[in-house]
Amino acid sequence: MPPSDLWAATLSLLLIHEETGCRHSALNAARLLDHLCDMEIDDDTRRLCERASLRLGNTENQHACAA
């Protein structure tokens, strides 16, 4: 099971991206999600992390904010 500080960092970056539209936060969150997928987690959680990573890494789906 991944350490709780890794989950917290990922969620923090997701929130920063959602609140500000910061593209760097989205890309860093996607990287952490990919890292979580490589760790020992259950299949359902892995699929959710993969979906979130793909969505965050999609450059066509950018936030309206120019941040």
C-alpha atoms as a PDB file:
ATOM      1  CA  MET A   1       0.000   0.000   0.000  1.00  0.00           C
ATOM      2  CA  PRO A   2       1.408   3.421  -0.948  1.00  0.00           C
ATOM      3  CA  PRO A   3       2.236   5.752   1.928  1.00  0.00           C
ATOM      4  CA  SER A   4      -0.420   8.264   2.936  1.00  0.00           C
ATOM      5  CA  ASP A   5       1.826  11.244   2.173  1.00  0.00           C
ATOM      6  CA  LEU A   6       1.947  10.159  -1.502  1.00  0.00           C
ATOM      7  CA  TRP A   7      -1.851  10.031  -1.651  1.00  0.00           C
ATOM      8  CA  ALA A   8      -2.032  13.418   0.102  1.00  0.00           C
ATOM      9  CA  ALA A   9       0.427  15.004  -2.332  1.00  0.00           C
ATOM     10  CA  THR A  10      -1.535  13.678  -5.296  1.00  0.00           C
ATOM     11  CA  LEU A  11      -4.832  14.955  -3.932  1.00  0.00           C
ATOM     12  CA  SER A  12      -3.266  18.316  -3.116  1.00  0.00           C
ATOM     13  CA  LEU A  13      -2.066  18.723  -6.702  1.00  0.00           C
ATOM     14  CA  LEU A  14      -5.478  17.702  -8.015  1.00  0.00           C
ATOM     15  CA  LEU A  15      -7.136  20.345  -5.854  1.00  0.00           C
ATOM     16  CA  ILE A  16      -4.660  23.025  -6.900  1.00  0.00           C
ATOM     17  CA  HIS A  17      -5.367  22.180 -10.530  1.00  0.00           C
ATOM     18  CA  GLU A  18      -9.129  22.252  -9.973  1.00  0.00           C
ATOM     19  CA  GLU A  19      -9.047  25.529  -8.044  1.00  0.00           C
ATOM     20  CA  THR A  20      -6.562  27.427 -10.213  1.00  0.00           C
ATOM     21  CA  GLY A  21      -6.337  25.590 -13.509  1.00  0.00           C
ATOM     22  CA  CYS A  22      -2.585  25.271 -13.034  1.00  0.00           C
ATOM     23  CA  ARG A  23      -1.322  23.010 -15.828  1.00  0.00           C
ATOM     24  CA  HIS A  24       1.877  22.147 -13.946  1.00  0.00           C
ATOM     25  CA  SER A  25      -0.170  20.840 -11.023  1.00  0.00           C
ATOM     26  CA  ALA A  26      -2.189  18.686 -13.412  1.00  0.00           C
ATOM     27  CA  LEU A  27       0.922  17.210 -15.011  1.00  0.00           C
ATOM     28  CA  ASN A  28       2.591  16.573 -11.652  1.00  0.00           C
ATOM     29  CA  ALA A  29      -0.583  14.948 -10.339  1.00  0.00           C
ATOM     30  CA  ALA A  30      -0.662  12.736 -13.446  1.00  0.00           C
ATOM     31  CA  ARG A  31       2.944  11.692 -12.790  1.00  0.00           C
ATOM     32  CA  LEU A  32       2.141  10.809  -9.193  1.00  0.00           C
ATOM     33  CA  LEU A  33      -0.942   8.875 -10.303  1.00  0.00           C
ATOM     34  CA  ASP A  34       1.221   6.904 -12.729  1.00  0.00           C
ATOM     35  CA  HIS A  35       3.635   6.211  -9.879  1.00  0.00           C
ATOM     36  CA  LEU A  36       0.744   5.014  -7.687  1.00  0.00           C
ATOM     37  CA  CYS A  37      -0.350   2.663 -10.486  1.00  0.00           C
ATOM     38  CA  ASP A  38       3.070   1.029 -10.335  1.00  0.00           C
ATOM     39  CA  MET A  39       2.657   0.344  -6.631  1.00  0.00           C
ATOM     40  CA  GLU A  40       0.709  -2.356  -4.868  1.00  0.00           C
ATOM     41  CA  ILE A  41      -2.909  -1.141  -5.038  1.00  0.00           C
ATOM     42  CA  ASP A  42      -6.136  -2.933  -5.863  1.00  0.00           C
ATOM     43  CA  ASP A  43      -7.311  -3.175  -9.479  1.00  0.00           C
ATOM     44  CA  ASP A  44     -10.265  -0.788  -9.072  1.00  0.00           C
ATOM     45  CA  THR A  45      -8.089   1.931  -7.581  1.00  0.00           C
ATOM     46  CA  ARG A  46      -5.464   1.348 -10.267  1.00  0.00           C
ATOM     47  CA  ARG A  47      -8.073   1.844 -13.010  1.00  0.00           C
ATOM     48  CA  LEU A  48      -9.272   5.071 -11.376  1.00  0.00           C
ATOM     49  CA  CYS A  49      -5.708   6.368 -11.103  1.00  0.00           C
ATOM     50  CA  GLU A  50      -5.081   5.500 -14.751  1.00  0.00           C
ATOM     51  CA  ARG A  51      -8.258   7.294 -15.872  1.00  0.00           C
ATOM     52  CA  ALA A  52      -7.403  10.375 -13.841  1.00  0.00           C
ATOM     53  CA  SER A  53      -3.833  10.394 -15.136  1.00  0.00           C
ATOM     54  CA  LEU A  54      -4.996  10.201 -18.748  1.00  0.00           C
ATOM     55  CA  ARG A  55      -7.485  13.007 -18.249  1.00  0.00           C
ATOM     56  CA  LEU A  56      -4.958  15.247 -16.504  1.00  0.00           C
ATOM     57  CA  GLY A  57      -2.361  14.585 -19.168  1.00  0.00           C
ATOM     58  CA  ASN A  58      -4.765  15.448 -22.005  1.00  0.00           C
ATOM     59  CA  THR A  59      -3.566  18.814 -23.348  1.00  0.00           C
ATOM     60  CA  GLU A  60      -6.798  19.323 -25.330  1.00  0.00           C
ATOM     61  CA  ASN A  61      -8.822  19.360 -22.104  1.00  0.00           C
ATOM     62  CA  GLN A  62      -7.366  22.523 -20.605  1.00  0.00           C
ATOM     63  CA  HIS A  63      -8.957  24.755 -18.010  1.00  0.00           C
ATOM     64  CA  ALA A  64     -10.249  28.147 -19.176  1.00  0.00           C
ATOM     65  CA  CYS A  65      -7.930  29.943 -16.737  1.00  0.00           C
ATOM     66  CA  ALA A  66      -4.592  31.007 -18.178  1.00  0.00           C
ATOM     67  CA  ALA A  67      -2.736  30.146 -14.943  1.00  0.00           C
END
